Amino acid sequence: MSQNIQIACSGLSLTDAMRSAIEAQVEKLKKSAGTSHVLHNCHVHVDRPGGGASLPHLFNVRLRITIDDKELVANNHQHPDFYVALRHAFDVLQRQIRTIRDARTAAALHDTKIAAHLESDV
């Protein structure tokens, strides 16, 4: 990954621990994508809109990454705990990456079976 992580926030200032947690999650995504997929950009936006007297202040995490030629998005993952909101958002992206990886593996397996079938007919 060309360490192009862009982190933006509103309604709060990120601590070093929060920034480290974001970077750790990006590394985890990179590993789950494997060597055959390239993560290009990662945009992380964290905000904490002010709640009313009866509403809790929730951390809102939105992610957008570019992997190969696809843009993947995880929107509006809210939780009172920043780390839980962050984990939930990155879990969504990991599932999307897994889906892409599985689809490509299935397509490659299908192509291999067709090629083997054609060779056996010759």
PDB file of N, CA and C in Angstrom:
ATOM      1  N   MET A   1       0.853  -1.173   0.000  1.00  0.00           N
ATOM      2  CA  MET A   1       0.000   0.000   0.000  1.00  0.00           C
ATOM      3  C   MET A   1       0.888   1.222   0.000  1.00  0.00           C
ATOM      4  N   SER A   2       0.554   2.133  -0.804  1.00  0.00           N
ATOM      5  CA  SER A   2       1.315   3.370  -0.856  1.00  0.00           C
ATOM      6  C   SER A   2       0.841   4.269   0.271  1.00  0.00           C
ATOM      7  N   GLN A   3       1.196   3.975   1.468  1.00  0.00           N
ATOM      8  CA  GLN A   3       0.755   4.628   2.699  1.00  0.00           C
ATOM      9  C   GLN A   3       0.045   5.969   2.500  1.00  0.00           C
ATOM     10  N   ASN A   4      -0.996   5.966   1.725  1.00  0.00           N
ATOM     11  CA  ASN A   4      -1.774   7.173   1.470  1.00  0.00           C
ATOM     12  C   ASN A   4      -3.024   7.126   2.335  1.00  0.00           C
ATOM     13  N   ILE A   5      -2.834   7.337   3.626  1.00  0.00           N
ATOM     14  CA  ILE A   5      -3.943   7.352   4.572  1.00  0.00           C
ATOM     15  C   ILE A   5      -4.273   8.808   4.857  1.00  0.00           C
ATOM     16  N   GLN A   6      -5.501   9.179   4.585  1.00  0.00           N
ATOM     17  CA  GLN A   6      -5.946  10.532   4.894  1.00  0.00           C
ATOM     18  C   GLN A   6      -6.955  10.442   6.020  1.00  0.00           C
ATOM     19  N   ILE A   7      -6.659  11.135   7.105  1.00  0.00           N
ATOM     20  CA  ILE A   7      -7.536  11.110   8.277  1.00  0.00           C
ATOM     21  C   ILE A   7      -8.061  12.514   8.505  1.00  0.00           C
ATOM     22  N   ALA A   8      -9.373  12.616   8.556  1.00  0.00           N
ATOM     23  CA  ALA A   8     -10.016  13.902   8.838  1.00  0.00           C
ATOM     24  C   ALA A   8     -10.944  13.708  10.026  1.00  0.00           C
ATOM     25  N   CYS A   9     -11.136  14.761  10.781  1.00  0.00           N
ATOM     26  CA  CYS A   9     -12.059  14.661  11.903  1.00  0.00           C
ATOM     27  C   CYS A   9     -12.751  15.997  12.112  1.00  0.00           C
ATOM     28  N   SER A  10     -13.909  15.916  12.725  1.00  0.00           N
ATOM     29  CA  SER A  10     -14.640  17.123  13.098  1.00  0.00           C
ATOM     30  C   SER A  10     -15.352  16.869  14.417  1.00  0.00           C
ATOM     31  N   GLY A  11     -15.396  17.879  15.234  1.00  0.00           N
ATOM     32  CA  GLY A  11     -16.050  17.760  16.532  1.00  0.00           C
ATOM     33  C   GLY A  11     -15.174  17.141  17.601  1.00  0.00           C
ATOM     34  N   LEU A  12     -13.927  16.826  17.263  1.00  0.00           N
ATOM     35  CA  LEU A  12     -12.996  16.257  18.223  1.00  0.00           C
ATOM     36  C   LEU A  12     -11.590  16.379  17.660  1.00  0.00           C
ATOM     37  N   SER A  13     -10.617  16.164  18.506  1.00  0.00           N
ATOM     38  CA  SER A  13      -9.244  16.065  18.015  1.00  0.00           C
ATOM     39  C   SER A  13      -8.758  14.662  18.341  1.00  0.00           C
ATOM     40  N   LEU A  14      -8.110  14.045  17.360  1.00  0.00           N
ATOM     41  CA  LEU A  14      -7.651  12.668  17.526  1.00  0.00           C
ATOM     42  C   LEU A  14      -6.415  12.623  18.417  1.00  0.00           C
ATOM     43  N   THR A  15      -6.399  11.655  19.297  1.00  0.00           N
ATOM     44  CA  THR A  15      -5.218  11.419  20.122  1.00  0.00           C
ATOM     45  C   THR A  15      -4.243  10.555  19.326  1.00  0.00           C
ATOM     46  N   ASP A  16      -3.036  10.452  19.824  1.00  0.00           N
ATOM     47  CA  ASP A  16      -2.052   9.579  19.179  1.00  0.00           C
ATOM     48  C   ASP A  16      -2.525   8.129  19.200  1.00  0.00           C
ATOM     49  N   ALA A  17      -3.176   7.724  20.287  1.00  0.00           N
ATOM     50  CA  ALA A  17      -3.688   6.355  20.388  1.00  0.00           C
ATOM     51  C   ALA A  17      -4.772   6.100  19.340  1.00  0.00           C
ATOM     52  N   MET A  18      -5.644   7.066  19.114  1.00  0.00           N
ATOM     53  CA  MET A  18      -6.698   6.910  18.096  1.00  0.00           C
ATOM     54  C   MET A  18      -6.076   6.812  16.707  1.00  0.00           C
ATOM     55  N   ARG A  19      -5.097   7.661  16.439  1.00  0.00           N
ATOM     56  CA  ARG A  19      -4.418   7.636  15.135  1.00  0.00           C
ATOM     57  C   ARG A  19      -3.707   6.291  14.940  1.00  0.00           C
ATOM     58  N   SER A  20      -3.067   5.788  15.976  1.00  0.00           N
ATOM     59  CA  SER A  20      -2.392   4.484  15.900  1.00  0.00           C
ATOM     60  C   SER A  20      -3.387   3.359  15.641  1.00  0.00           C
ATOM     61  N   ALA A  21      -4.560   3.442  16.268  1.00  0.00           N
ATOM     62  CA  ALA A  21      -5.591   2.425  16.057  1.00  0.00           C
ATOM     63  C   ALA A  21      -6.058   2.427  14.605  1.00  0.00           C
ATOM     64  N   ILE A  22      -6.216   3.608  14.025  1.00  0.00           N
ATOM     65  CA  ILE A  22      -6.617   3.709  12.614  1.00  0.00           C
ATOM     66  C   ILE A  22      -5.541   3.086  11.734  1.00  0.00           C
ATOM     67  N   GLU A  23      -4.285   3.425  11.975  1.00  0.00           N
ATOM     68  CA  GLU A  23      -3.191   2.885  11.169  1.00  0.00           C
ATOM     69  C   GLU A  23      -3.081   1.373  11.313  1.00  0.00           C
ATOM     70  N   ALA A  24      -3.325   0.851  12.516  1.00  0.00           N
ATOM     71  CA  ALA A  24      -3.292  -0.597  12.736  1.00  0.00           C
ATOM     72  C   ALA A  24      -4.408  -1.285  11.952  1.00  0.00           C
ATOM     73  N   GLN A  25      -5.591  -0.665  11.923  1.00  0.00           N
ATOM     74  CA  GLN A  25      -6.705  -1.245  11.163  1.00  0.00           C
ATOM     75  C   GLN A  25      -6.407  -1.237   9.663  1.00  0.00           C
ATOM     76  N   VAL A  26      -5.744  -0.188   9.187  1.00  0.00           N
ATOM     77  CA  VAL A  26      -5.378  -0.128   7.764  1.00  0.00           C
ATOM     78  C   VAL A  26      -4.383  -1.241   7.443  1.00  0.00           C
ATOM     79  N   GLU A  27      -3.419  -1.475   8.316  1.00  0.00           N
ATOM     80  CA  GLU A  27      -2.457  -2.559   8.105  1.00  0.00           C
ATOM     81  C   GLU A  27      -3.167  -3.912   8.078  1.00  0.00           C
ATOM     82  N   LYS A  28      -4.134  -4.080   8.949  1.00  0.00           N
ATOM     83  CA  LYS A  28      -4.913  -5.317   8.991  1.00  0.00           C
ATOM     84  C   LYS A  28      -5.667  -5.512   7.669  1.00  0.00           C
ATOM     85  N   LEU A  29      -6.226  -4.423   7.138  1.00  0.00           N
ATOM     86  CA  LEU A  29      -6.906  -4.488   5.833  1.00  0.00           C
ATOM     87  C   LEU A  29      -5.932  -4.888   4.741  1.00  0.00           C
ATOM     88  N   LYS A  30      -4.756  -4.303   4.786  1.00  0.00           N
ATOM     89  CA  LYS A  30      -3.738  -4.601   3.776  1.00  0.00           C
ATOM     90  C   LYS A  30      -3.411  -6.086   3.789  1.00  0.00           C
ATOM     91  N   LYS A  31      -3.251  -6.654   4.965  1.00  0.00           N
ATOM     92  CA  LYS A  31      -2.941  -8.079   5.081  1.00  0.00           C
ATOM     93  C   LYS A  31      -4.099  -8.941   4.606  1.00  0.00           C
ATOM     94  N   SER A  32      -5.325  -8.540   4.912  1.00  0.00           N
ATOM     95  CA  SER A  32      -6.473  -9.348   4.499  1.00  0.00           C
ATOM     96  C   SER A  32      -6.691  -9.287   2.997  1.00  0.00           C
ATOM     97  N   ALA A  33      -6.231  -8.203   2.359  1.00  0.00           N
ATOM     98  CA  ALA A  33      -6.367  -8.093   0.902  1.00  0.00           C
ATOM     99  C   ALA A  33      -5.417  -9.044   0.200  1.00  0.00           C
ATOM    100  N   GLY A  34      -4.318  -9.372   0.840  1.00  0.00           N
ATOM    101  CA  GLY A  34      -3.352 -10.282   0.235  1.00  0.00           C
ATOM    102  C   GLY A  34      -2.439  -9.564  -0.740  1.00  0.00           C
ATOM    103  N   THR A  35      -1.529 -10.321  -1.305  1.00  0.00           N
ATOM    104  CA  THR A  35      -0.526  -9.732  -2.192  1.00  0.00           C
ATOM    105  C   THR A  35      -1.056  -9.490  -3.600  1.00  0.00           C
ATOM    106  N   SER A  36      -2.170 -10.102  -3.947  1.00  0.00           N
ATOM    107  CA  SER A  36      -2.673  -9.947  -5.316  1.00  0.00           C
ATOM    108  C   SER A  36      -3.554  -8.715  -5.488  1.00  0.00           C
ATOM    109  N   HIS A  37      -3.852  -8.014  -4.402  1.00  0.00           N
ATOM    110  CA  HIS A  37      -4.685  -6.813  -4.474  1.00  0.00           C
ATOM    111  C   HIS A  37      -3.899  -5.630  -3.904  1.00  0.00           C
ATOM    112  N   VAL A  38      -4.066  -4.495  -4.532  1.00  0.00           N
ATOM    113  CA  VAL A  38      -3.330  -3.306  -4.117  1.00  0.00           C
ATOM    114  C   VAL A  38      -4.295  -2.280  -3.527  1.00  0.00           C
ATOM    115  N   LEU A  39      -4.055  -1.904  -2.274  1.00  0.00           N
ATOM    116  CA  LEU A  39      -4.822  -0.837  -1.657  1.00  0.00           C
ATOM    117  C   LEU A  39      -4.135   0.477  -1.998  1.00  0.00           C
ATOM    118  N   HIS A  40      -4.865   1.382  -2.630  1.00  0.00           N
ATOM    119  CA  HIS A  40      -4.264   2.631  -3.061  1.00  0.00           C
ATOM    120  C   HIS A  40      -4.513   3.749  -2.057  1.00  0.00           C
ATOM    121  N   ASN A  41      -5.740   4.110  -1.864  1.00  0.00           N
ATOM    122  CA  ASN A  41      -6.083   5.234  -0.989  1.00  0.00           C
ATOM    123  C   ASN A  41      -6.963   4.758   0.148  1.00  0.00           C
ATOM    124  N   CYS A  42      -6.814   5.407   1.275  1.00  0.00           N
ATOM    125  CA  CYS A  42      -7.678   5.137   2.416  1.00  0.00           C
ATOM    126  C   CYS A  42      -8.051   6.483   3.028  1.00  0.00           C
ATOM    127  N   HIS A  43      -9.332   6.775   3.023  1.00  0.00           N
ATOM    128  CA  HIS A  43      -9.840   8.011   3.609  1.00  0.00           C
ATOM    129  C   HIS A  43     -10.662   7.636   4.844  1.00  0.00           C
ATOM    130  N   VAL A  44     -10.297   8.204   5.964  1.00  0.00           N
ATOM    131  CA  VAL A  44     -10.998   7.955   7.222  1.00  0.00           C
ATOM    132  C   VAL A  44     -11.528   9.294   7.711  1.00  0.00           C
ATOM    133  N   HIS A  45     -12.822   9.335   8.004  1.00  0.00           N
ATOM    134  CA  HIS A  45     -13.398  10.543   8.567  1.00  0.00           C
ATOM    135  C   HIS A  45     -14.085  10.175   9.869  1.00  0.00           C
ATOM    136  N   VAL A  46     -13.689  10.852  10.923  1.00  0.00           N
ATOM    137  CA  VAL A  46     -14.265  10.616  12.246  1.00  0.00           C
ATOM    138  C   VAL A  46     -14.895  11.913  12.709  1.00  0.00           C
ATOM    139  N   ASP A  47     -16.139  11.821  13.136  1.00  0.00           N
ATOM    140  CA  ASP A  47     -16.726  13.005  13.755  1.00  0.00           C
ATOM    141  C   ASP A  47     -17.494  12.593  14.998  1.00  0.00           C
ATOM    142  N   ARG A  48     -17.752  13.577  15.788  1.00  0.00           N
ATOM    143  CA  ARG A  48     -18.489  13.358  17.028  1.00  0.00           C
ATOM    144  C   ARG A  48     -19.462  14.516  17.184  1.00  0.00           C
ATOM    145  N   PRO A  49     -20.604  14.384  16.486  1.00  0.00           N
ATOM    146  CA  PRO A  49     -21.587  15.467  16.571  1.00  0.00           C
ATOM    147  C   PRO A  49     -22.121  15.583  17.989  1.00  0.00           C
ATOM    148  N   GLY A  50     -22.409  16.772  18.370  1.00  0.00           N
ATOM    149  CA  GLY A  50     -22.937  17.000  19.715  1.00  0.00           C
ATOM    150  C   GLY A  50     -24.355  16.480  19.832  1.00  0.00           C
ATOM    151  N   GLY A  51     -24.597  15.706  20.848  1.00  0.00           N
ATOM    152  CA  GLY A  51     -25.943  15.202  21.099  1.00  0.00           C
ATOM    153  C   GLY A  51     -26.677  16.145  22.034  1.00  0.00           C
ATOM    154  N   GLY A  52     -27.960  15.968  22.132  1.00  0.00           N
ATOM    155  CA  GLY A  52     -28.740  16.768  23.068  1.00  0.00           C
ATOM    156  C   GLY A  52     -28.547  16.240  24.480  1.00  0.00           C
ATOM    157  N   ALA A  53     -29.332  16.764  25.399  1.00  0.00           N
ATOM    158  CA  ALA A  53     -29.200  16.356  26.796  1.00  0.00           C
ATOM    159  C   ALA A  53     -29.487  14.872  26.982  1.00  0.00           C
ATOM    160  N   SER A  54     -30.427  14.328  26.186  1.00  0.00           N
ATOM    161  CA  SER A  54     -30.793  12.923  26.358  1.00  0.00           C
ATOM    162  C   SER A  54     -30.088  12.009  25.366  1.00  0.00           C
ATOM    163  N   LEU A  55     -29.338  12.568  24.415  1.00  0.00           N
ATOM    164  CA  LEU A  55     -28.659  11.748  23.415  1.00  0.00           C
ATOM    165  C   LEU A  55     -27.177  11.610  23.753  1.00  0.00           C
ATOM    166  N   PRO A  56     -26.632  10.410  23.610  1.00  0.00           N
ATOM    167  CA  PRO A  56     -25.199  10.253  23.872  1.00  0.00           C
ATOM    168  C   PRO A  56     -24.391  10.857  22.728  1.00  0.00           C
ATOM    169  N   HIS A  57     -23.193  11.228  23.030  1.00  0.00           N
ATOM    170  CA  HIS A  57     -22.269  11.681  21.992  1.00  0.00           C
ATOM    171  C   HIS A  57     -21.691  10.434  21.341  1.00  0.00           C
ATOM    172  N   LEU A  58     -21.980  10.243  20.078  1.00  0.00           N
ATOM    173  CA  LEU A  58     -21.517   9.062  19.366  1.00  0.00           C
ATOM    174  C   LEU A  58     -20.368   9.416  18.436  1.00  0.00           C
ATOM    175  N   PHE A  59     -19.400   8.531  18.374  1.00  0.00           N
ATOM    176  CA  PHE A  59     -18.361   8.661  17.369  1.00  0.00           C
ATOM    177  C   PHE A  59     -18.928   8.109  16.072  1.00  0.00           C
ATOM    178  N   ASN A  60     -18.736   8.825  14.992  1.00  0.00           N
ATOM    179  CA  ASN A  60     -19.203   8.407  13.681  1.00  0.00           C
ATOM    180  C   ASN A  60     -17.974   8.199  12.797  1.00  0.00           C
ATOM    181  N   VAL A  61     -17.794   6.990  12.284  1.00  0.00           N
ATOM    182  CA  VAL A  61     -16.638   6.664  11.454  1.00  0.00           C
ATOM    183  C   VAL A  61     -17.112   6.329  10.051  1.00  0.00           C
ATOM    184  N   ARG A  62     -16.507   7.002   9.075  1.00  0.00           N
ATOM    185  CA  ARG A  62     -16.782   6.723   7.657  1.00  0.00           C
ATOM    186  C   ARG A  62     -15.455   6.419   6.981  1.00  0.00           C
ATOM    187  N   LEU A  63     -15.460   5.373   6.160  1.00  0.00           N
ATOM    188  CA  LEU A  63     -14.244   4.945   5.478  1.00  0.00           C
ATOM    189  C   LEU A  63     -14.485   4.851   3.983  1.00  0.00           C
ATOM    190  N   ARG A  64     -13.454   5.143   3.236  1.00  0.00           N
ATOM    191  CA  ARG A  64     -13.488   4.942   1.783  1.00  0.00           C
ATOM    192  C   ARG A  64     -12.092   4.518   1.360  1.00  0.00           C
ATOM    193  N   ILE A  65     -11.997   3.346   0.720  1.00  0.00           N
ATOM    194  CA  ILE A  65     -10.706   2.888   0.225  1.00  0.00           C
ATOM    195  C   ILE A  65     -10.827   2.555  -1.250  1.00  0.00           C
ATOM    196  N   THR A  66      -9.692   2.576  -1.912  1.00  0.00           N
ATOM    197  CA  THR A  66      -9.616   2.126  -3.289  1.00  0.00           C
ATOM    198  C   THR A  66      -8.722   0.900  -3.298  1.00  0.00           C
ATOM    199  N   ILE A  67      -9.280  -0.209  -3.776  1.00  0.00           N
ATOM    200  CA  ILE A  67      -8.516  -1.445  -3.903  1.00  0.00           C
ATOM    201  C   ILE A  67      -8.621  -1.881  -5.346  1.00  0.00           C
ATOM    202  N   ASP A  68      -7.475  -2.070  -5.966  1.00  0.00           N
ATOM    203  CA  ASP A  68      -7.409  -2.361  -7.394  1.00  0.00           C
ATOM    204  C   ASP A  68      -8.186  -1.276  -8.131  1.00  0.00           C
ATOM    205  N   ASP A  69      -9.284  -1.638  -8.758  1.00  0.00           N
ATOM    206  CA  ASP A  69     -10.068  -0.654  -9.519  1.00  0.00           C
ATOM    207  C   ASP A  69     -11.416  -0.375  -8.879  1.00  0.00           C
ATOM    208  N   LYS A  70     -11.605  -0.802  -7.644  1.00  0.00           N
ATOM    209  CA  LYS A  70     -12.896  -0.642  -6.978  1.00  0.00           C
ATOM    210  C   LYS A  70     -12.781   0.291  -5.777  1.00  0.00           C
ATOM    211  N   GLU A  71     -13.851   1.048  -5.574  1.00  0.00           N
ATOM    212  CA  GLU A  71     -13.929   1.894  -4.389  1.00  0.00           C
ATOM    213  C   GLU A  71     -14.885   1.238  -3.408  1.00  0.00           C
ATOM    214  N   LEU A  72     -14.425   1.032  -2.192  1.00  0.00           N
ATOM    215  CA  LEU A  72     -15.237   0.419  -1.145  1.00  0.00           C
ATOM    216  C   LEU A  72     -15.524   1.459  -0.071  1.00  0.00           C
ATOM    217  N   VAL A  73     -16.757   1.414   0.450  1.00  0.00           N
ATOM    218  CA  VAL A  73     -17.192   2.433   1.403  1.00  0.00           C
ATOM    219  C   VAL A  73     -17.850   1.767   2.604  1.00  0.00           C
ATOM    220  N   ALA A  74     -17.574   2.301   3.762  1.00  0.00           N
ATOM    221  CA  ALA A  74     -18.275   1.939   4.994  1.00  0.00           C
ATOM    222  C   ALA A  74     -18.739   3.256   5.616  1.00  0.00           C
ATOM    223  N   ASN A  75     -20.028   3.442   5.702  1.00  0.00           N
ATOM    224  CA  ASN A  75     -20.591   4.721   6.138  1.00  0.00           C
ATOM    225  C   ASN A  75     -21.273   4.636   7.488  1.00  0.00           C
ATOM    226  N   ASN A  76     -21.184   5.719   8.222  1.00  0.00           N
ATOM    227  CA  ASN A  76     -21.988   5.963   9.416  1.00  0.00           C
ATOM    228  C   ASN A  76     -21.977   4.830  10.433  1.00  0.00           C
ATOM    229  N   HIS A  77     -20.802   4.448  10.852  1.00  0.00           N
ATOM    230  CA  HIS A  77     -20.701   3.455  11.915  1.00  0.00           C
ATOM    231  C   HIS A  77     -20.548   4.213  13.220  1.00  0.00           C
ATOM    232  N   GLN A  78     -21.640   4.237  13.981  1.00  0.00           N
ATOM    233  CA  GLN A  78     -21.706   5.055  15.186  1.00  0.00           C
ATOM    234  C   GLN A  78     -21.693   4.192  16.438  1.00  0.00           C
ATOM    235  N   HIS A  79     -20.997   4.697  17.421  1.00  0.00           N
ATOM    236  CA  HIS A  79     -20.945   4.029  18.715  1.00  0.00           C
ATOM    237  C   HIS A  79     -20.378   5.030  19.726  1.00  0.00           C
ATOM    238  N   PRO A  80     -20.773   4.924  20.994  1.00  0.00           N
ATOM    239  CA  PRO A  80     -20.207   5.827  22.001  1.00  0.00           C
ATOM    240  C   PRO A  80     -18.715   5.598  22.229  1.00  0.00           C
ATOM    241  N   ASP A  81     -18.220   4.408  21.894  1.00  0.00           N
ATOM    242  CA  ASP A  81     -16.803   4.090  22.040  1.00  0.00           C
ATOM    243  C   ASP A  81     -16.132   4.199  20.671  1.00  0.00           C
ATOM    244  N   PHE A  82     -15.131   5.065  20.552  1.00  0.00           N
ATOM    245  CA  PHE A  82     -14.439   5.276  19.282  1.00  0.00           C
ATOM    246  C   PHE A  82     -13.907   3.976  18.702  1.00  0.00           C
ATOM    247  N   TYR A  83     -13.272   3.153  19.538  1.00  0.00           N
ATOM    248  CA  TYR A  83     -12.615   1.942  19.054  1.00  0.00           C
ATOM    249  C   TYR A  83     -13.620   0.924  18.521  1.00  0.00           C
ATOM    250  N   VAL A  84     -14.789   0.869  19.119  1.00  0.00           N
ATOM    251  CA  VAL A  84     -15.841  -0.033  18.630  1.00  0.00           C
ATOM    252  C   VAL A  84     -16.366   0.466  17.287  1.00  0.00           C
ATOM    253  N   ALA A  85     -16.616   1.762  17.172  1.00  0.00           N
ATOM    254  CA  ALA A  85     -17.082   2.334  15.901  1.00  0.00           C
ATOM    255  C   ALA A  85     -16.047   2.095  14.805  1.00  0.00           C
ATOM    256  N   LEU A  86     -14.780   2.279  15.127  1.00  0.00           N
ATOM    257  CA  LEU A  86     -13.708   2.069  14.160  1.00  0.00           C
ATOM    258  C   LEU A  86     -13.651   0.614  13.720  1.00  0.00           C
ATOM    259  N   ARG A  87     -13.697  -0.297  14.677  1.00  0.00           N
ATOM    260  CA  ARG A  87     -13.643  -1.730  14.360  1.00  0.00           C
ATOM    261  C   ARG A  87     -14.812  -2.146  13.488  1.00  0.00           C
ATOM    262  N   HIS A  88     -16.015  -1.667  13.801  1.00  0.00           N
ATOM    263  CA  HIS A  88     -17.192  -2.025  13.003  1.00  0.00           C
ATOM    264  C   HIS A  88     -17.046  -1.543  11.562  1.00  0.00           C
ATOM    265  N   ALA A  89     -16.562  -0.335  11.377  1.00  0.00           N
ATOM    266  CA  ALA A  89     -16.391   0.204  10.019  1.00  0.00           C
ATOM    267  C   ALA A  89     -15.361  -0.614   9.245  1.00  0.00           C
ATOM    268  N   PHE A  90     -14.245  -0.932   9.868  1.00  0.00           N
ATOM    269  CA  PHE A  90     -13.220  -1.708   9.172  1.00  0.00           C
ATOM    270  C   PHE A  90     -13.671  -3.147   8.935  1.00  0.00           C
ATOM    271  N   ASP A  91     -14.491  -3.700   9.822  1.00  0.00           N
ATOM    272  CA  ASP A  91     -15.040  -5.044   9.589  1.00  0.00           C
ATOM    273  C   ASP A  91     -15.871  -5.081   8.311  1.00  0.00           C
ATOM    274  N   VAL A  92     -16.630  -4.020   8.064  1.00  0.00           N
ATOM    275  CA  VAL A  92     -17.432  -3.943   6.834  1.00  0.00           C
ATOM    276  C   VAL A  92     -16.510  -3.986   5.617  1.00  0.00           C
ATOM    277  N   LEU A  93     -15.428  -3.226   5.650  1.00  0.00           N
ATOM    278  CA  LEU A  93     -14.497  -3.222   4.519  1.00  0.00           C
ATOM    279  C   LEU A  93     -13.805  -4.570   4.365  1.00  0.00           C
ATOM    280  N   GLN A  94     -13.477  -5.222   5.457  1.00  0.00           N
ATOM    281  CA  GLN A  94     -12.850  -6.542   5.362  1.00  0.00           C
ATOM    282  C   GLN A  94     -13.788  -7.548   4.704  1.00  0.00           C
ATOM    283  N   ARG A  95     -15.070  -7.480   5.035  1.00  0.00           N
ATOM    284  CA  ARG A  95     -16.034  -8.381   4.386  1.00  0.00           C
ATOM    285  C   ARG A  95     -16.134  -8.083   2.894  1.00  0.00           C
ATOM    286  N   GLN A  96     -16.102  -6.809   2.530  1.00  0.00           N
ATOM    287  CA  GLN A  96     -16.155  -6.442   1.114  1.00  0.00           C
ATOM    288  C   GLN A  96     -14.912  -6.937   0.376  1.00  0.00           C
ATOM    289  N   ILE A  97     -13.758  -6.801   0.987  1.00  0.00           N
ATOM    290  CA  ILE A  97     -12.519  -7.297   0.378  1.00  0.00           C
ATOM    291  C   ILE A  97     -12.562  -8.810   0.233  1.00  0.00           C
ATOM    292  N   ARG A  98     -13.054  -9.499   1.245  1.00  0.00           N
ATOM    293  CA  ARG A  98     -13.166 -10.954   1.189  1.00  0.00           C
ATOM    294  C   ARG A  98     -14.077 -11.373   0.045  1.00  0.00           C
ATOM    295  N   THR A  99     -15.170 -10.643  -0.153  1.00  0.00           N
ATOM    296  CA  THR A  99     -16.086 -10.947  -1.247  1.00  0.00           C
ATOM    297  C   THR A  99     -15.388 -10.793  -2.596  1.00  0.00           C
ATOM    298  N   ILE A 100     -14.638  -9.714  -2.763  1.00  0.00           N
ATOM    299  CA  ILE A 100     -13.896  -9.488  -4.007  1.00  0.00           C
ATOM    300  C   ILE A 100     -12.871 -10.605  -4.220  1.00  0.00           C
ATOM    301  N   ARG A 101     -12.116 -10.915  -3.173  1.00  0.00           N
ATOM    302  CA  ARG A 101     -11.087 -11.948  -3.261  1.00  0.00           C
ATOM    303  C   ARG A 101     -11.694 -13.306  -3.600  1.00  0.00           C
ATOM    304  N   ASP A 102     -12.809 -13.654  -2.951  1.00  0.00           N
ATOM    305  CA  ASP A 102     -13.463 -14.936  -3.215  1.00  0.00           C
ATOM    306  C   ASP A 102     -14.012 -15.008  -4.632  1.00  0.00           C
ATOM    307  N   ALA A 103     -14.568 -13.900  -5.122  1.00  0.00           N
ATOM    308  CA  ALA A 103     -15.106 -13.877  -6.481  1.00  0.00           C
ATOM    309  C   ALA A 103     -13.992 -14.075  -7.503  1.00  0.00           C
ATOM    310  N   ARG A 104     -12.863 -13.429  -7.278  1.00  0.00           N
ATOM    311  CA  ARG A 104     -11.733 -13.582  -8.213  1.00  0.00           C
ATOM    312  C   ARG A 104     -11.160 -14.989  -8.151  1.00  0.00           C
ATOM    313  N   THR A 105     -11.101 -15.571  -6.964  1.00  0.00           N
ATOM    314  CA  THR A 105     -10.610 -16.942  -6.823  1.00  0.00           C
ATOM    315  C   THR A 105     -11.547 -17.909  -7.547  1.00  0.00           C
ATOM    316  N   ALA A 106     -12.841 -17.713  -7.372  1.00  0.00           N
ATOM    317  CA  ALA A 106     -13.817 -18.576  -8.042  1.00  0.00           C
ATOM    318  C   ALA A 106     -13.716 -18.441  -9.556  1.00  0.00           C
ATOM    319  N   ALA A 107     -13.532 -17.222 -10.046  1.00  0.00           N
ATOM    320  CA  ALA A 107     -13.400 -17.010 -11.490  1.00  0.00           C
ATOM    321  C   ALA A 107     -12.141 -17.686 -12.021  1.00  0.00           C
ATOM    322  N   ALA A 108     -11.052 -17.580 -11.282  1.00  0.00           N
ATOM    323  CA  ALA A 108      -9.804 -18.218 -11.713  1.00  0.00           C
ATOM    324  C   ALA A 108      -9.942 -19.731 -11.702  1.00  0.00           C
ATOM    325  N   LEU A 109     -10.605 -20.287 -10.708  1.00  0.00           N
ATOM    326  CA  LEU A 109     -10.831 -21.731 -10.632  1.00  0.00           C
ATOM    327  C   LEU A 109     -11.704 -22.187 -11.792  1.00  0.00           C
ATOM    328  N   HIS A 110     -12.720 -21.417 -12.088  1.00  0.00           N
ATOM    329  CA  HIS A 110     -13.609 -21.734 -13.201  1.00  0.00           C
ATOM    330  C   HIS A 110     -12.824 -21.744 -14.518  1.00  0.00           C
ATOM    331  N   ASP A 111     -11.984 -20.733 -14.721  1.00  0.00           N
ATOM    332  CA  ASP A 111     -11.170 -20.669 -15.935  1.00  0.00           C
ATOM    333  C   ASP A 111     -10.220 -21.854 -16.033  1.00  0.00           C
ATOM    334  N   THR A 112      -9.650 -22.268 -14.907  1.00  0.00           N
ATOM    335  CA  THR A 112      -8.745 -23.407 -14.885  1.00  0.00           C
ATOM    336  C   THR A 112      -9.477 -24.690 -15.260  1.00  0.00           C
ATOM    337  N   LYS A 113     -10.695 -24.858 -14.737  1.00  0.00           N
ATOM    338  CA  LYS A 113     -11.477 -26.054 -15.059  1.00  0.00           C
ATOM    339  C   LYS A 113     -11.838 -26.088 -16.535  1.00  0.00           C
ATOM    340  N   ILE A 114     -12.191 -24.948 -17.103  1.00  0.00           N
ATOM    341  CA  ILE A 114     -12.527 -24.884 -18.526  1.00  0.00           C
ATOM    342  C   ILE A 114     -11.302 -25.227 -19.361  1.00  0.00           C
ATOM    343  N   ALA A 115     -10.152 -24.671 -18.990  1.00  0.00           N
ATOM    344  CA  ALA A 115      -8.917 -24.950 -19.735  1.00  0.00           C
ATOM    345  C   ALA A 115      -8.567 -26.432 -19.649  1.00  0.00           C
ATOM    346  N   ALA A 116      -8.716 -27.031 -18.477  1.00  0.00           N
ATOM    347  CA  ALA A 116      -8.422 -28.457 -18.316  1.00  0.00           C
ATOM    348  C   ALA A 116      -9.393 -29.300 -19.137  1.00  0.00           C
ATOM    349  N   HIS A 117     -10.636 -28.895 -19.156  1.00  0.00           N
ATOM    350  CA  HIS A 117     -11.647 -29.617 -19.943  1.00  0.00           C
ATOM    351  C   HIS A 117     -11.325 -29.544 -21.437  1.00  0.00           C
ATOM    352  N   LEU A 118     -10.951 -28.368 -21.907  1.00  0.00           N
ATOM    353  CA  LEU A 118     -10.620 -28.199 -23.327  1.00  0.00           C
ATOM    354  C   LEU A 118      -9.394 -28.999 -23.699  1.00  0.00           C
ATOM    355  N   GLU A 119      -8.399 -29.074 -22.803  1.00  0.00           N
ATOM    356  CA  GLU A 119      -7.194 -29.854 -23.081  1.00  0.00           C
ATOM    357  C   GLU A 119      -7.497 -31.338 -23.121  1.00  0.00           C
ATOM    358  N   SER A 120      -8.437 -31.815 -22.305  1.00  0.00           N
ATOM    359  CA  SER A 120      -8.763 -33.236 -22.287  1.00  0.00           C
ATOM    360  C   SER A 120      -9.550 -33.646 -23.516  1.00  0.00           C
ATOM    361  N   ASP A 121     -10.226 -32.704 -24.179  1.00  0.00           N
ATOM    362  CA  ASP A 121     -10.968 -33.012 -25.384  1.00  0.00           C
ATOM    363  C   ASP A 121     -10.061 -33.141 -26.609  1.00  0.00           C
ATOM    364  N   VAL A 122      -8.851 -32.623 -26.499  1.00  0.00           N
ATOM    365  CA  VAL A 122      -7.942 -32.632 -27.669  1.00  0.00           C
ATOM    366  C   VAL A 122      -7.327 -33.962 -27.887  1.00  0.00           C
TER     367      VAL A 122
END
